């Protein structure tokens, strides 16, 4: 099952890895590859928060601009939203994650 974590307008998708016996997360609100992990979902969330707090400093060290996530509201007809919600639920995703993956 996938989880969505949110912190300071950043979002991450987290899944449990039985092979690694931990939760592995990826920030989905930037184009930079940003991964983190934790033995519990709470530990993964803490690492996600720490990473995003340090993200501007890391970008400065790498000489790149940090990406500031923006939110966009998209209105969908209720029948389309219902279809998207059902598909997202089957995949263990939020509607936002499903639409992000589709784009």
C-alpha atoms as a PDB file:
ATOM      1  CA  UNK A   1       0.000   0.000   0.000  1.00  0.00           C
ATOM      2  CA  UNK A   2       1.241   3.468  -0.869  1.00  0.00           C
ATOM      3  CA  UNK A   3       1.031   6.401   1.501  1.00  0.00           C
ATOM      4  CA  UNK A   4       1.149  10.083   0.648  1.00  0.00           C
ATOM      5  CA  UNK A   5       3.051  12.366   2.990  1.00  0.00           C
ATOM      6  CA  UNK A   6       2.786  16.159   2.888  1.00  0.00           C
ATOM      7  CA  UNK A   7       4.993  18.804   4.448  1.00  0.00           C
ATOM      8  CA  UNK A   8       5.368  22.524   3.581  1.00  0.00           C
ATOM      9  CA  UNK A   9       3.579  22.054   0.231  1.00  0.00           C
ATOM     10  CA  UNK A  10       5.878  19.146  -0.678  1.00  0.00           C
ATOM     11  CA  UNK A  11       4.420  15.698  -1.278  1.00  0.00           C
ATOM     12  CA  UNK A  12       6.021  12.274  -1.152  1.00  0.00           C
ATOM     13  CA  UNK A  13       4.854   8.807  -2.039  1.00  0.00           C
ATOM     14  CA  UNK A  14       5.876   6.083   0.423  1.00  0.00           C
ATOM     15  CA  UNK A  15       5.594   2.313   0.135  1.00  0.00           C
ATOM     16  CA  UNK A  16       6.636  -0.527   2.367  1.00  0.00           C
ATOM     17  CA  UNK A  17       9.483  -2.679   1.041  1.00  0.00           C
ATOM     18  CA  UNK A  18       9.334  -6.184   2.540  1.00  0.00           C
ATOM     19  CA  UNK A  19      12.776  -6.956   1.094  1.00  0.00           C
ATOM     20  CA  UNK A  20      14.339  -3.994   2.910  1.00  0.00           C
ATOM     21  CA  UNK A  21      11.969  -4.202   5.898  1.00  0.00           C
ATOM     22  CA  UNK A  22      11.384  -0.461   5.804  1.00  0.00           C
ATOM     23  CA  UNK A  23       9.316   2.267   4.212  1.00  0.00           C
ATOM     24  CA  UNK A  24      10.874   3.864   1.139  1.00  0.00           C
ATOM     25  CA  UNK A  25       9.737   7.289   0.039  1.00  0.00           C
ATOM     26  CA  UNK A  26      10.206   9.553  -2.942  1.00  0.00           C
ATOM     27  CA  UNK A  27       9.399  13.246  -3.113  1.00  0.00           C
ATOM     28  CA  UNK A  28       6.931  13.664  -5.983  1.00  0.00           C
ATOM     29  CA  UNK A  29       6.539  17.443  -5.929  1.00  0.00           C
ATOM     30  CA  UNK A  30       9.966  18.202  -7.432  1.00  0.00           C
ATOM     31  CA  UNK A  31      11.813  16.943 -10.482  1.00  0.00           C
ATOM     32  CA  UNK A  32      14.887  16.252  -8.365  1.00  0.00           C
ATOM     33  CA  UNK A  33      15.302  12.628  -7.335  1.00  0.00           C
ATOM     34  CA  UNK A  34      14.849  12.784  -3.591  1.00  0.00           C
ATOM     35  CA  UNK A  35      14.573   9.505  -1.677  1.00  0.00           C
ATOM     36  CA  UNK A  36      14.296   8.688   2.017  1.00  0.00           C
ATOM     37  CA  UNK A  37      13.405   5.739   4.227  1.00  0.00           C
ATOM     38  CA  UNK A  38      12.394   4.732   7.717  1.00  0.00           C
ATOM     39  CA  UNK A  39      11.686   1.572   9.716  1.00  0.00           C
ATOM     40  CA  UNK A  40       8.185   2.897  10.524  1.00  0.00           C
ATOM     41  CA  UNK A  41       5.891   5.276   8.657  1.00  0.00           C
ATOM     42  CA  UNK A  42       6.443   7.825  11.452  1.00  0.00           C
ATOM     43  CA  UNK A  43      10.224   7.566  11.048  1.00  0.00           C
ATOM     44  CA  UNK A  44       9.870   7.915   7.264  1.00  0.00           C
ATOM     45  CA  UNK A  45       7.753  11.054   7.791  1.00  0.00           C
ATOM     46  CA  UNK A  46      10.364  12.493  10.157  1.00  0.00           C
ATOM     47  CA  UNK A  47      13.123  11.843   7.587  1.00  0.00           C
ATOM     48  CA  UNK A  48      10.957  13.420   4.859  1.00  0.00           C
ATOM     49  CA  UNK A  49      10.470  16.554   6.999  1.00  0.00           C
ATOM     50  CA  UNK A  50      14.191  16.750   7.832  1.00  0.00           C
ATOM     51  CA  UNK A  51      15.082  16.313   4.167  1.00  0.00           C
ATOM     52  CA  UNK A  52      12.719  19.027   3.000  1.00  0.00           C
ATOM     53  CA  UNK A  53      13.926  21.401   5.732  1.00  0.00           C
ATOM     54  CA  UNK A  54      17.475  20.860   4.431  1.00  0.00           C
ATOM     55  CA  UNK A  55      16.478  20.862   0.740  1.00  0.00           C
ATOM     56  CA  UNK A  56      17.374  24.568   0.100  1.00  0.00           C
ATOM     57  CA  UNK A  57      20.828  24.059   1.684  1.00  0.00           C
ATOM     58  CA  UNK A  58      21.456  20.917  -0.348  1.00  0.00           C
ATOM     59  CA  UNK A  59      20.457  22.680  -3.566  1.00  0.00           C
ATOM     60  CA  UNK A  60      22.786  25.572  -2.723  1.00  0.00           C
ATOM     61  CA  UNK A  61      25.682  23.129  -2.210  1.00  0.00           C
ATOM     62  CA  UNK A  62      24.908  21.498  -5.562  1.00  0.00           C
ATOM     63  CA  UNK A  63      24.575  24.861  -7.293  1.00  0.00           C
ATOM     64  CA  UNK A  64      20.970  24.289  -8.360  1.00  0.00           C
ATOM     65  CA  UNK A  65      17.766  26.155  -7.653  1.00  0.00           C
ATOM     66  CA  UNK A  66      15.343  24.469  -5.263  1.00  0.00           C
ATOM     67  CA  UNK A  67      11.951  23.787  -6.755  1.00  0.00           C
ATOM     68  CA  UNK A  68       9.106  25.439  -4.925  1.00  0.00           C
ATOM     69  CA  UNK A  69       5.961  23.341  -5.354  1.00  0.00           C
ATOM     70  CA  UNK A  70       2.842  25.086  -6.457  1.00  0.00           C
ATOM     71  CA  UNK A  71      -0.694  23.918  -6.191  1.00  0.00           C
ATOM     72  CA  UNK A  72      -3.103  24.016  -9.069  1.00  0.00           C
ATOM     73  CA  UNK A  73      -6.784  23.368  -8.749  1.00  0.00           C
ATOM     74  CA  UNK A  74      -8.393  21.434 -11.575  1.00  0.00           C
ATOM     75  CA  UNK A  75     -12.136  21.095 -11.745  1.00  0.00           C
ATOM     76  CA  UNK A  76     -13.374  17.773 -13.085  1.00  0.00           C
ATOM     77  CA  UNK A  77     -16.925  16.734 -13.824  1.00  0.00           C
ATOM     78  CA  UNK A  78     -18.131  14.497 -11.000  1.00  0.00           C
ATOM     79  CA  UNK A  79     -18.333  11.420 -13.243  1.00  0.00           C
ATOM     80  CA  UNK A  80     -14.676  11.810 -14.293  1.00  0.00           C
ATOM     81  CA  UNK A  81     -13.610  12.372 -10.699  1.00  0.00           C
ATOM     82  CA  UNK A  82     -15.458   9.198  -9.650  1.00  0.00           C
ATOM     83  CA  UNK A  83     -13.644   7.186 -12.327  1.00  0.00           C
ATOM     84  CA  UNK A  84     -10.280   8.660 -11.298  1.00  0.00           C
ATOM     85  CA  UNK A  85     -11.012   8.004  -7.612  1.00  0.00           C
ATOM     86  CA  UNK A  86     -11.889   4.371  -8.305  1.00  0.00           C
ATOM     87  CA  UNK A  87      -8.734   3.807 -10.383  1.00  0.00           C
ATOM     88  CA  UNK A  88      -6.587   5.553  -7.795  1.00  0.00           C
ATOM     89  CA  UNK A  89      -8.092   3.453  -5.006  1.00  0.00           C
ATOM     90  CA  UNK A  90      -7.369   0.226  -6.906  1.00  0.00           C
ATOM     91  CA  UNK A  91      -3.736   1.294  -7.287  1.00  0.00           C
ATOM     92  CA  UNK A  92      -3.402   2.463  -3.677  1.00  0.00           C
ATOM     93  CA  UNK A  93      -2.897   6.065  -4.796  1.00  0.00           C
ATOM     94  CA  UNK A  94      -4.541   9.389  -4.184  1.00  0.00           C
ATOM     95  CA  UNK A  95      -6.338  11.022  -7.115  1.00  0.00           C
ATOM     96  CA  UNK A  96      -3.535  13.605  -7.201  1.00  0.00           C
ATOM     97  CA  UNK A  97      -0.869  10.890  -7.459  1.00  0.00           C
ATOM     98  CA  UNK A  98      -2.821   9.100 -10.206  1.00  0.00           C
ATOM     99  CA  UNK A  99      -3.159  12.301 -12.238  1.00  0.00           C
ATOM    100  CA  UNK A 100       0.477  13.203 -11.646  1.00  0.00           C
ATOM    101  CA  UNK A 101       1.578   9.790 -12.901  1.00  0.00           C
ATOM    102  CA  UNK A 102      -0.711  10.103 -15.921  1.00  0.00           C
ATOM    103  CA  UNK A 103       0.837  13.445 -16.830  1.00  0.00           C
END
